[in-house]
């Protein structure tokens, strides 16, 4: 089966390479605090902090009472 061969003209494609629109910062700013070593880093304060809703109803939660409106309060906060 013979193929019908077509010869196309040469197509020249030109493109312009755009530079990214970012600002490169040569180095970070120095702080007075310095850098903490890994063994000095601690999230103890954040882990021990109680959510506000627990402190507001803390006595009820500690005594084991049910909080009927807790779902409504949570839904209200999520809106």
PDB file of N, CA and C in Angstrom:
ATOM      1  N   UNK A   1       0.830  -1.159   0.000  1.00  0.00           N
ATOM      2  CA  UNK A   1       0.000   0.000   0.000  1.00  0.00           C
ATOM      3  C   UNK A   1       0.893   1.246   0.000  1.00  0.00           C
ATOM      4  N   UNK A   2       0.855   2.020  -1.012  1.00  0.00           N
ATOM      5  CA  UNK A   2       1.706   3.212  -1.052  1.00  0.00           C
ATOM      6  C   UNK A   2       1.112   4.330  -0.187  1.00  0.00           C
ATOM      7  N   UNK A   3       1.998   5.086   0.412  1.00  0.00           N
ATOM      8  CA  UNK A   3       1.586   6.212   1.243  1.00  0.00           C
ATOM      9  C   UNK A   3       1.661   7.482   0.415  1.00  0.00           C
ATOM     10  N   UNK A   4       0.704   8.357   0.625  1.00  0.00           N
ATOM     11  CA  UNK A   4       0.762   9.677  -0.009  1.00  0.00           C
ATOM     12  C   UNK A   4       1.568  10.579   0.905  1.00  0.00           C
ATOM     13  N   UNK A   5       2.710  10.925   0.486  1.00  0.00           N
ATOM     14  CA  UNK A   5       3.628  11.709   1.306  1.00  0.00           C
ATOM     15  C   UNK A   5       3.446  13.181   0.994  1.00  0.00           C
ATOM     16  N   UNK A   6       3.334  13.987   2.059  1.00  0.00           N
ATOM     17  CA  UNK A   6       3.231  15.431   1.879  1.00  0.00           C
ATOM     18  C   UNK A   6       4.418  16.080   2.565  1.00  0.00           C
ATOM     19  N   UNK A   7       5.030  17.001   1.925  1.00  0.00           N
ATOM     20  CA  UNK A   7       6.165  17.722   2.488  1.00  0.00           C
ATOM     21  C   UNK A   7       5.666  19.106   2.877  1.00  0.00           C
ATOM     22  N   UNK A   8       5.809  19.426   4.146  1.00  0.00           N
ATOM     23  CA  UNK A   8       5.365  20.720   4.664  1.00  0.00           C
ATOM     24  C   UNK A   8       6.518  21.701   4.655  1.00  0.00           C
ATOM     25  N   UNK A   9       6.170  22.974   4.680  1.00  0.00           N
ATOM     26  CA  UNK A   9       7.198  24.009   4.764  1.00  0.00           C
ATOM     27  C   UNK A   9       7.794  24.009   6.169  1.00  0.00           C
ATOM     28  N   UNK A  10       8.972  24.577   6.279  1.00  0.00           N
ATOM     29  CA  UNK A  10       9.626  24.688   7.572  1.00  0.00           C
ATOM     30  C   UNK A  10       8.864  25.696   8.426  1.00  0.00           C
ATOM     31  N   UNK A  11       8.587  25.317   9.646  1.00  0.00           N
ATOM     32  CA  UNK A  11       7.884  26.202  10.576  1.00  0.00           C
ATOM     33  C   UNK A  11       8.893  26.687  11.606  1.00  0.00           C
ATOM     34  N   UNK A  12       8.951  27.992  11.793  1.00  0.00           N
ATOM     35  CA  UNK A  12       9.876  28.572  12.768  1.00  0.00           C
ATOM     36  C   UNK A  12       9.057  29.047  13.969  1.00  0.00           C
ATOM     37  N   UNK A  13       9.390  28.538  15.129  1.00  0.00           N
ATOM     38  CA  UNK A  13       8.677  28.895  16.357  1.00  0.00           C
ATOM     39  C   UNK A  13       9.615  29.724  17.225  1.00  0.00           C
ATOM     40  N   UNK A  14       9.145  30.901  17.599  1.00  0.00           N
ATOM     41  CA  UNK A  14       9.935  31.774  18.472  1.00  0.00           C
ATOM     42  C   UNK A  14       9.200  31.930  19.799  1.00  0.00           C
ATOM     43  N   UNK A  15       9.964  32.062  20.856  1.00  0.00           N
ATOM     44  CA  UNK A  15       9.371  32.233  22.185  1.00  0.00           C
ATOM     45  C   UNK A  15      10.212  33.198  22.996  1.00  0.00           C
ATOM     46  N   UNK A  16       9.563  33.873  23.899  1.00  0.00           N
ATOM     47  CA  UNK A  16      10.242  34.771  24.823  1.00  0.00           C
ATOM     48  C   UNK A  16      10.150  34.148  26.210  1.00  0.00           C
ATOM     49  N   UNK A  17      11.279  33.949  26.842  1.00  0.00           N
ATOM     50  CA  UNK A  17      11.308  33.369  28.182  1.00  0.00           C
ATOM     51  C   UNK A  17      11.177  34.507  29.182  1.00  0.00           C
ATOM     52  N   UNK A  18      10.124  34.441  29.995  1.00  0.00           N
ATOM     53  CA  UNK A  18       9.908  35.480  30.999  1.00  0.00           C
ATOM     54  C   UNK A  18      10.566  35.076  32.305  1.00  0.00           C
ATOM     55  N   UNK A  19      11.109  36.062  32.972  1.00  0.00           N
ATOM     56  CA  UNK A  19      11.718  35.812  34.280  1.00  0.00           C
ATOM     57  C   UNK A  19      10.614  35.755  35.331  1.00  0.00           C
ATOM     58  N   UNK A  20      10.788  34.950  36.356  1.00  0.00           N
ATOM     59  CA  UNK A  20       9.768  34.904  37.415  1.00  0.00           C
ATOM     60  C   UNK A  20       9.709  36.231  38.161  1.00  0.00           C
ATOM     61  N   UNK A  21       8.523  36.585  38.579  1.00  0.00           N
ATOM     62  CA  UNK A  21       8.332  37.857  39.276  1.00  0.00           C
ATOM     63  C   UNK A  21       8.438  37.648  40.780  1.00  0.00           C
ATOM     64  N   UNK A  22       9.618  37.369  41.235  1.00  0.00           N
ATOM     65  CA  UNK A  22       9.871  37.183  42.663  1.00  0.00           C
ATOM     66  C   UNK A  22      11.057  38.037  43.062  1.00  0.00           C
ATOM     67  N   UNK A  23      11.114  38.356  44.314  1.00  0.00           N
ATOM     68  CA  UNK A  23      12.243  39.097  44.842  1.00  0.00           C
ATOM     69  C   UNK A  23      13.102  38.132  45.644  1.00  0.00           C
ATOM     70  N   UNK A  24      14.343  38.042  45.281  1.00  0.00           N
ATOM     71  CA  UNK A  24      15.257  37.164  46.003  1.00  0.00           C
ATOM     72  C   UNK A  24      15.925  37.962  47.114  1.00  0.00           C
ATOM     73  N   UNK A  25      15.841  37.435  48.312  1.00  0.00           N
ATOM     74  CA  UNK A  25      16.451  38.087  49.468  1.00  0.00           C
ATOM     75  C   UNK A  25      17.798  37.422  49.704  1.00  0.00           C
ATOM     76  N   UNK A  26      18.853  38.211  49.780  1.00  0.00           N
ATOM     77  CA  UNK A  26      20.181  37.606  49.905  1.00  0.00           C
ATOM     78  C   UNK A  26      20.373  36.763  51.159  1.00  0.00           C
ATOM     79  N   UNK A  27      19.848  37.197  52.307  1.00  0.00           N
ATOM     80  CA  UNK A  27      19.964  36.402  53.527  1.00  0.00           C
ATOM     81  C   UNK A  27      18.890  36.836  54.506  1.00  0.00           C
ATOM     82  N   UNK A  28      18.672  36.033  55.505  1.00  0.00           N
ATOM     83  CA  UNK A  28      17.660  36.346  56.511  1.00  0.00           C
ATOM     84  C   UNK A  28      18.151  37.447  57.434  1.00  0.00           C
ATOM     85  N   UNK A  29      17.189  38.175  57.979  1.00  0.00           N
ATOM     86  CA  UNK A  29      17.528  39.209  58.943  1.00  0.00           C
ATOM     87  C   UNK A  29      17.970  38.558  60.251  1.00  0.00           C
ATOM     88  N   UNK A  30      18.947  39.121  60.871  1.00  0.00           N
ATOM     89  CA  UNK A  30      19.411  38.620  62.168  1.00  0.00           C
ATOM     90  C   UNK A  30      18.442  39.076  63.251  1.00  0.00           C
ATOM     91  N   UNK A  31      18.164  38.214  64.209  1.00  0.00           N
ATOM     92  CA  UNK A  31      17.283  38.562  65.320  1.00  0.00           C
ATOM     93  C   UNK A  31      18.078  38.601  66.618  1.00  0.00           C
ATOM     94  N   UNK A  32      17.502  39.263  67.609  1.00  0.00           N
ATOM     95  CA  UNK A  32      18.143  39.326  68.926  1.00  0.00           C
ATOM     96  C   UNK A  32      18.041  37.984  69.650  1.00  0.00           C
ATOM     97  N   UNK A  33      17.048  37.191  69.281  1.00  0.00           N
ATOM     98  CA  UNK A  33      16.796  35.927  69.969  1.00  0.00           C
ATOM     99  C   UNK A  33      17.848  34.888  69.629  1.00  0.00           C
ATOM    100  N   UNK A  34      18.255  34.863  68.388  1.00  0.00           N
ATOM    101  CA  UNK A  34      19.191  33.833  67.962  1.00  0.00           C
ATOM    102  C   UNK A  34      18.437  32.580  67.557  1.00  0.00           C
ATOM    103  N   UNK A  35      19.147  31.509  67.373  1.00  0.00           N
ATOM    104  CA  UNK A  35      18.517  30.263  66.954  1.00  0.00           C
ATOM    105  C   UNK A  35      18.575  29.251  68.096  1.00  0.00           C
ATOM    106  N   UNK A  36      17.435  28.643  68.387  1.00  0.00           N
ATOM    107  CA  UNK A  36      17.368  27.661  69.468  1.00  0.00           C
ATOM    108  C   UNK A  36      17.781  26.291  68.948  1.00  0.00           C
ATOM    109  N   UNK A  37      18.583  25.609  69.731  1.00  0.00           N
ATOM    110  CA  UNK A  37      18.964  24.247  69.353  1.00  0.00           C
ATOM    111  C   UNK A  37      17.746  23.347  69.478  1.00  0.00           C
ATOM    112  N   UNK A  38      17.771  22.238  68.780  1.00  0.00           N
ATOM    113  CA  UNK A  38      16.624  21.338  68.744  1.00  0.00           C
ATOM    114  C   UNK A  38      16.226  20.861  70.141  1.00  0.00           C
ATOM    115  N   UNK A  39      17.180  20.574  70.987  1.00  0.00           N
ATOM    116  CA  UNK A  39      16.846  20.078  72.326  1.00  0.00           C
ATOM    117  C   UNK A  39      16.298  21.178  73.234  1.00  0.00           C
ATOM    118  N   UNK A  40      16.420  22.451  72.832  1.00  0.00           N
ATOM    119  CA  UNK A  40      15.889  23.553  73.636  1.00  0.00           C
ATOM    120  C   UNK A  40      14.468  23.940  73.219  1.00  0.00           C
ATOM    121  N   UNK A  41      14.029  23.470  72.088  1.00  0.00           N
ATOM    122  CA  UNK A  41      12.696  23.825  71.610  1.00  0.00           C
ATOM    123  C   UNK A  41      11.651  23.044  72.397  1.00  0.00           C
ATOM    124  N   UNK A  42      10.594  23.743  72.796  1.00  0.00           N
ATOM    125  CA  UNK A  42       9.557  23.091  73.585  1.00  0.00           C
ATOM    126  C   UNK A  42       8.194  23.675  73.235  1.00  0.00           C
ATOM    127  N   UNK A  43       7.211  22.815  73.136  1.00  0.00           N
ATOM    128  CA  UNK A  43       5.842  23.243  72.913  1.00  0.00           C
ATOM    129  C   UNK A  43       4.997  22.955  74.151  1.00  0.00           C
ATOM    130  N   UNK A  44       5.656  22.873  75.292  1.00  0.00           N
ATOM    131  CA  UNK A  44       4.976  22.527  76.537  1.00  0.00           C
ATOM    132  C   UNK A  44       3.864  23.520  76.867  1.00  0.00           C
ATOM    133  N   UNK A  45       4.124  24.810  76.691  1.00  0.00           N
ATOM    134  CA  UNK A  45       3.135  25.839  76.998  1.00  0.00           C
ATOM    135  C   UNK A  45       1.890  25.662  76.124  1.00  0.00           C
ATOM    136  N   UNK A  46       2.092  25.429  74.823  1.00  0.00           N
ATOM    137  CA  UNK A  46       0.965  25.261  73.914  1.00  0.00           C
ATOM    138  C   UNK A  46       0.190  23.985  74.210  1.00  0.00           C
ATOM    139  N   UNK A  47       0.891  22.925  74.575  1.00  0.00           N
ATOM    140  CA  UNK A  47       0.229  21.658  74.851  1.00  0.00           C
ATOM    141  C   UNK A  47      -0.584  21.697  76.141  1.00  0.00           C
ATOM    142  N   UNK A  48      -0.135  22.486  77.105  1.00  0.00           N
ATOM    143  CA  UNK A  48      -0.837  22.558  78.387  1.00  0.00           C
ATOM    144  C   UNK A  48      -1.981  23.565  78.380  1.00  0.00           C
ATOM    145  N   UNK A  49      -2.007  24.455  77.380  1.00  0.00           N
ATOM    146  CA  UNK A  49      -3.059  25.472  77.320  1.00  0.00           C
ATOM    147  C   UNK A  49      -4.401  24.807  77.029  1.00  0.00           C
ATOM    148  N   UNK A  50      -5.430  25.248  77.742  1.00  0.00           N
ATOM    149  CA  UNK A  50      -6.767  24.696  77.539  1.00  0.00           C
ATOM    150  C   UNK A  50      -7.518  25.582  76.543  1.00  0.00           C
ATOM    151  N   UNK A  51      -8.365  24.988  75.718  1.00  0.00           N
ATOM    152  CA  UNK A  51      -9.210  25.806  74.841  1.00  0.00           C
ATOM    153  C   UNK A  51     -10.152  26.673  75.670  1.00  0.00           C
ATOM    154  N   UNK A  52     -10.541  27.829  75.139  1.00  0.00           N
ATOM    155  CA  UNK A  52     -11.405  28.766  75.866  1.00  0.00           C
ATOM    156  C   UNK A  52     -12.723  28.136  76.296  1.00  0.00           C
ATOM    157  N   UNK A  53     -13.283  27.314  75.451  1.00  0.00           N
ATOM    158  CA  UNK A  53     -14.586  26.722  75.779  1.00  0.00           C
ATOM    159  C   UNK A  53     -14.480  25.794  76.994  1.00  0.00           C
ATOM    160  N   UNK A  54     -13.331  25.195  77.201  1.00  0.00           N
ATOM    161  CA  UNK A  54     -13.161  24.324  78.365  1.00  0.00           C
ATOM    162  C   UNK A  54     -13.003  25.130  79.642  1.00  0.00           C
ATOM    163  N   UNK A  55     -12.335  26.270  79.572  1.00  0.00           N
ATOM    164  CA  UNK A  55     -12.190  27.078  80.783  1.00  0.00           C
ATOM    165  C   UNK A  55     -13.519  27.714  81.171  1.00  0.00           C
ATOM    166  N   UNK A  56     -14.337  28.041  80.162  1.00  0.00           N
ATOM    167  CA  UNK A  56     -15.635  28.647  80.445  1.00  0.00           C
ATOM    168  C   UNK A  56     -16.558  27.663  81.161  1.00  0.00           C
ATOM    169  N   UNK A  57     -16.507  26.406  80.758  1.00  0.00           N
ATOM    170  CA  UNK A  57     -17.363  25.387  81.346  1.00  0.00           C
ATOM    171  C   UNK A  57     -16.559  24.373  82.149  1.00  0.00           C
ATOM    172  N   UNK A  58     -15.412  24.777  82.622  1.00  0.00           N
ATOM    173  CA  UNK A  58     -14.506  23.871  83.309  1.00  0.00           C
ATOM    174  C   UNK A  58     -15.112  23.165  84.502  1.00  0.00           C
ATOM    175  N   UNK A  59     -15.843  23.890  85.329  1.00  0.00           N
ATOM    176  CA  UNK A  59     -16.428  23.283  86.531  1.00  0.00           C
ATOM    177  C   UNK A  59     -17.446  22.212  86.162  1.00  0.00           C
ATOM    178  N   UNK A  60     -18.264  22.499  85.150  1.00  0.00           N
ATOM    179  CA  UNK A  60     -19.261  21.512  84.722  1.00  0.00           C
ATOM    180  C   UNK A  60     -18.585  20.274  84.160  1.00  0.00           C
ATOM    181  N   UNK A  61     -17.518  20.474  83.413  1.00  0.00           N
ATOM    182  CA  UNK A  61     -16.814  19.333  82.825  1.00  0.00           C
ATOM    183  C   UNK A  61     -16.138  18.488  83.896  1.00  0.00           C
ATOM    184  N   UNK A  62     -15.547  19.150  84.888  1.00  0.00           N
ATOM    185  CA  UNK A  62     -14.853  18.423  85.947  1.00  0.00           C
ATOM    186  C   UNK A  62     -15.825  17.632  86.814  1.00  0.00           C
ATOM    187  N   UNK A  63     -17.030  18.162  87.008  1.00  0.00           N
ATOM    188  CA  UNK A  63     -17.994  17.462  87.850  1.00  0.00           C
ATOM    189  C   UNK A  63     -18.732  16.363  87.088  1.00  0.00           C
ATOM    190  N   UNK A  64     -18.557  16.296  85.784  1.00  0.00           N
ATOM    191  CA  UNK A  64     -19.181  15.234  84.996  1.00  0.00           C
ATOM    192  C   UNK A  64     -20.558  15.578  84.481  1.00  0.00           C
ATOM    193  N   UNK A  65     -21.023  16.816  84.668  1.00  0.00           N
ATOM    194  CA  UNK A  65     -22.340  17.214  84.170  1.00  0.00           C
ATOM    195  C   UNK A  65     -22.314  17.300  82.646  1.00  0.00           C
ATOM    196  N   UNK A  66     -23.453  17.022  82.063  1.00  0.00           N
ATOM    197  CA  UNK A  66     -23.554  17.140  80.610  1.00  0.00           C
ATOM    198  C   UNK A  66     -23.802  18.600  80.238  1.00  0.00           C
ATOM    199  N   UNK A  67     -23.200  18.992  79.161  1.00  0.00           N
ATOM    200  CA  UNK A  67     -23.436  20.340  78.651  1.00  0.00           C
ATOM    201  C   UNK A  67     -24.341  20.200  77.436  1.00  0.00           C
ATOM    202  N   UNK A  68     -25.557  20.684  77.561  1.00  0.00           N
ATOM    203  CA  UNK A  68     -26.536  20.490  76.500  1.00  0.00           C
ATOM    204  C   UNK A  68     -26.309  21.434  75.320  1.00  0.00           C
ATOM    205  N   UNK A  69     -25.793  22.604  75.579  1.00  0.00           N
ATOM    206  CA  UNK A  69     -25.670  23.600  74.522  1.00  0.00           C
ATOM    207  C   UNK A  69     -24.310  23.582  73.829  1.00  0.00           C
ATOM    208  N   UNK A  70     -23.475  22.629  74.136  1.00  0.00           N
ATOM    209  CA  UNK A  70     -22.111  22.624  73.595  1.00  0.00           C
ATOM    210  C   UNK A  70     -22.111  22.528  72.074  1.00  0.00           C
ATOM    211  N   UNK A  71     -23.016  21.720  71.521  1.00  0.00           N
ATOM    212  CA  UNK A  71     -23.075  21.570  70.066  1.00  0.00           C
ATOM    213  C   UNK A  71     -23.469  22.888  69.409  1.00  0.00           C
ATOM    214  N   UNK A  72     -24.443  23.572  70.002  1.00  0.00           N
ATOM    215  CA  UNK A  72     -24.868  24.863  69.457  1.00  0.00           C
ATOM    216  C   UNK A  72     -23.720  25.871  69.506  1.00  0.00           C
ATOM    217  N   UNK A  73     -22.979  25.871  70.597  1.00  0.00           N
ATOM    218  CA  UNK A  73     -21.857  26.797  70.720  1.00  0.00           C
ATOM    219  C   UNK A  73     -20.776  26.501  69.687  1.00  0.00           C
ATOM    220  N   UNK A  74     -20.487  25.229  69.488  1.00  0.00           N
ATOM    221  CA  UNK A  74     -19.472  24.857  68.499  1.00  0.00           C
ATOM    222  C   UNK A  74     -19.925  25.204  67.088  1.00  0.00           C
ATOM    223  N   UNK A  75     -21.191  24.966  66.784  1.00  0.00           N
ATOM    224  CA  UNK A  75     -21.715  25.322  65.466  1.00  0.00           C
ATOM    225  C   UNK A  75     -21.647  26.830  65.243  1.00  0.00           C
ATOM    226  N   UNK A  76     -21.934  27.581  66.300  1.00  0.00           N
ATOM    227  CA  UNK A  76     -21.902  29.038  66.209  1.00  0.00           C
ATOM    228  C   UNK A  76     -20.477  29.526  65.940  1.00  0.00           C
ATOM    229  N   UNK A  77     -19.485  28.929  66.576  1.00  0.00           N
ATOM    230  CA  UNK A  77     -18.089  29.317  66.371  1.00  0.00           C
ATOM    231  C   UNK A  77     -17.610  28.972  64.970  1.00  0.00           C
ATOM    232  N   UNK A  78     -18.109  27.879  64.413  1.00  0.00           N
ATOM    233  CA  UNK A  78     -17.667  27.452  63.086  1.00  0.00           C
ATOM    234  C   UNK A  78     -18.255  28.296  61.965  1.00  0.00           C
ATOM    235  N   UNK A  79     -19.293  29.066  62.246  1.00  0.00           N
ATOM    236  CA  UNK A  79     -19.920  29.893  61.195  1.00  0.00           C
ATOM    237  C   UNK A  79     -19.143  31.125  60.923  1.00  0.00           C
TER     238      UNK A  79
END
